[in-house]
């Protein structure tokens, strides 16, 4: 890969990483706050959906973090394909 491509890809992945963290905090916090209150099946369904989305976003974060480290190592080695 070309050096310019790698640097731009790293910038994009960094922004995606930030967005995913904000989404995890927002969706996770909202899901937890929905659970506060009297028992209601619909409330627990929404909270469960939110927690599933939070798990998905955490998976995206993990994958993005690994890809960022991979690209950074490639950039440091000077590997250009």
C-alpha atoms as a PDB file:
ATOM      1  CA  UNK A   1       0.000   0.000   0.000  1.00  0.00           C
ATOM      2  CA  UNK A   2       1.107   3.516  -0.592  1.00  0.00           C
ATOM      3  CA  UNK A   3       2.133   5.672   2.321  1.00  0.00           C
ATOM      4  CA  UNK A   4      -0.534   8.302   1.616  1.00  0.00           C
ATOM      5  CA  UNK A   5      -3.246   5.681   1.507  1.00  0.00           C
ATOM      6  CA  UNK A   6      -2.154   4.218   4.830  1.00  0.00           C
ATOM      7  CA  UNK A   7      -2.098   7.599   6.568  1.00  0.00           C
ATOM      8  CA  UNK A   8      -5.549   8.530   5.238  1.00  0.00           C
ATOM      9  CA  UNK A   9      -6.894   5.125   6.221  1.00  0.00           C
ATOM     10  CA  UNK A  10      -5.501   5.613   9.742  1.00  0.00           C
ATOM     11  CA  UNK A  11      -7.195   9.015   9.971  1.00  0.00           C
ATOM     12  CA  UNK A  12     -10.502   7.483   8.890  1.00  0.00           C
ATOM     13  CA  UNK A  13     -10.206   4.594  11.341  1.00  0.00           C
ATOM     14  CA  UNK A  14      -9.359   7.009  14.151  1.00  0.00           C
ATOM     15  CA  UNK A  15     -12.541   8.975  13.501  1.00  0.00           C
ATOM     16  CA  UNK A  16     -14.552   5.754  13.305  1.00  0.00           C
ATOM     17  CA  UNK A  17     -13.022   4.670  16.608  1.00  0.00           C
ATOM     18  CA  UNK A  18     -14.076   7.939  18.266  1.00  0.00           C
ATOM     19  CA  UNK A  19     -17.596   7.689  16.857  1.00  0.00           C
ATOM     20  CA  UNK A  20     -17.979   4.102  18.043  1.00  0.00           C
ATOM     21  CA  UNK A  21     -16.838   5.009  21.563  1.00  0.00           C
ATOM     22  CA  UNK A  22     -19.353   7.831  21.732  1.00  0.00           C
ATOM     23  CA  UNK A  23     -22.051   5.496  20.455  1.00  0.00           C
ATOM     24  CA  UNK A  24     -21.143   2.820  23.010  1.00  0.00           C
ATOM     25  CA  UNK A  25     -21.371   5.352  25.819  1.00  0.00           C
ATOM     26  CA  UNK A  26     -24.643   6.813  24.547  1.00  0.00           C
ATOM     27  CA  UNK A  27     -26.448   3.588  23.687  1.00  0.00           C
ATOM     28  CA  UNK A  28     -25.084   1.700  26.693  1.00  0.00           C
ATOM     29  CA  UNK A  29     -26.004   4.483  29.097  1.00  0.00           C
ATOM     30  CA  UNK A  30     -29.469   4.826  27.627  1.00  0.00           C
ATOM     31  CA  UNK A  31     -30.039   1.071  27.788  1.00  0.00           C
ATOM     32  CA  UNK A  32     -29.049   0.956  31.429  1.00  0.00           C
ATOM     33  CA  UNK A  33     -31.210   3.974  32.267  1.00  0.00           C
ATOM     34  CA  UNK A  34     -34.235   2.360  30.592  1.00  0.00           C
ATOM     35  CA  UNK A  35     -33.986  -0.476  33.119  1.00  0.00           C
ATOM     36  CA  UNK A  36     -34.521   1.953  36.019  1.00  0.00           C
ATOM     37  CA  UNK A  37     -38.200   1.927  36.794  1.00  0.00           C
ATOM     38  CA  UNK A  38     -41.085  -0.470  37.184  1.00  0.00           C
ATOM     39  CA  UNK A  39     -41.088  -3.818  35.374  1.00  0.00           C
ATOM     40  CA  UNK A  40     -42.410  -3.652  31.816  1.00  0.00           C
ATOM     41  CA  UNK A  41     -41.799  -6.197  29.074  1.00  0.00           C
ATOM     42  CA  UNK A  42     -41.453  -3.515  26.397  1.00  0.00           C
ATOM     43  CA  UNK A  43     -38.929  -1.624  28.520  1.00  0.00           C
ATOM     44  CA  UNK A  44     -36.793  -4.732  28.926  1.00  0.00           C
ATOM     45  CA  UNK A  45     -37.058  -5.499  25.210  1.00  0.00           C
ATOM     46  CA  UNK A  46     -35.745  -2.019  24.321  1.00  0.00           C
ATOM     47  CA  UNK A  47     -32.967  -2.315  26.893  1.00  0.00           C
ATOM     48  CA  UNK A  48     -31.999  -5.756  25.547  1.00  0.00           C
ATOM     49  CA  UNK A  49     -31.867  -4.405  22.003  1.00  0.00           C
ATOM     50  CA  UNK A  50     -29.703  -1.535  23.168  1.00  0.00           C
ATOM     51  CA  UNK A  51     -27.343  -3.855  24.979  1.00  0.00           C
ATOM     52  CA  UNK A  52     -27.061  -6.048  21.869  1.00  0.00           C
ATOM     53  CA  UNK A  53     -26.226  -2.958  19.816  1.00  0.00           C
ATOM     54  CA  UNK A  54     -23.629  -2.012  22.428  1.00  0.00           C
ATOM     55  CA  UNK A  55     -22.021  -5.454  22.098  1.00  0.00           C
ATOM     56  CA  UNK A  56     -21.958  -5.066  18.320  1.00  0.00           C
ATOM     57  CA  UNK A  57     -20.321  -1.636  18.622  1.00  0.00           C
ATOM     58  CA  UNK A  58     -17.728  -3.062  21.006  1.00  0.00           C
ATOM     59  CA  UNK A  59     -16.929  -5.716  18.398  1.00  0.00           C
ATOM     60  CA  UNK A  60     -16.499  -2.990  15.774  1.00  0.00           C
ATOM     61  CA  UNK A  61     -14.213  -1.128  18.196  1.00  0.00           C
ATOM     62  CA  UNK A  62     -12.087  -4.212  18.755  1.00  0.00           C
ATOM     63  CA  UNK A  63     -11.764  -4.846  15.012  1.00  0.00           C
ATOM     64  CA  UNK A  64     -10.979  -1.194  14.279  1.00  0.00           C
ATOM     65  CA  UNK A  65      -8.338  -1.104  17.004  1.00  0.00           C
ATOM     66  CA  UNK A  66      -6.632  -4.200  15.602  1.00  0.00           C
ATOM     67  CA  UNK A  67      -6.696  -2.785  12.055  1.00  0.00           C
ATOM     68  CA  UNK A  68      -5.247   0.527  13.257  1.00  0.00           C
ATOM     69  CA  UNK A  69      -2.351  -1.272  14.962  1.00  0.00           C
ATOM     70  CA  UNK A  70      -1.784  -3.355  11.851  1.00  0.00           C
ATOM     71  CA  UNK A  71      -1.635  -0.293   9.596  1.00  0.00           C
ATOM     72  CA  UNK A  72       0.564   1.585  12.054  1.00  0.00           C
ATOM     73  CA  UNK A  73       3.052  -1.300  12.154  1.00  0.00           C
ATOM     74  CA  UNK A  74       3.021  -1.467   8.370  1.00  0.00           C
ATOM     75  CA  UNK A  75       3.690   2.267   8.167  1.00  0.00           C
ATOM     76  CA  UNK A  76       6.553   1.989  10.671  1.00  0.00           C
ATOM     77  CA  UNK A  77       8.159  -0.862   8.743  1.00  0.00           C
ATOM     78  CA  UNK A  78       7.904   1.094   5.537  1.00  0.00           C
ATOM     79  CA  UNK A  79       6.123  -1.773   3.840  1.00  0.00           C
ATOM     80  CA  UNK A  80       4.589  -0.586   0.591  1.00  0.00           C
ATOM     81  CA  UNK A  81       2.737  -3.112  -1.514  1.00  0.00           C
END
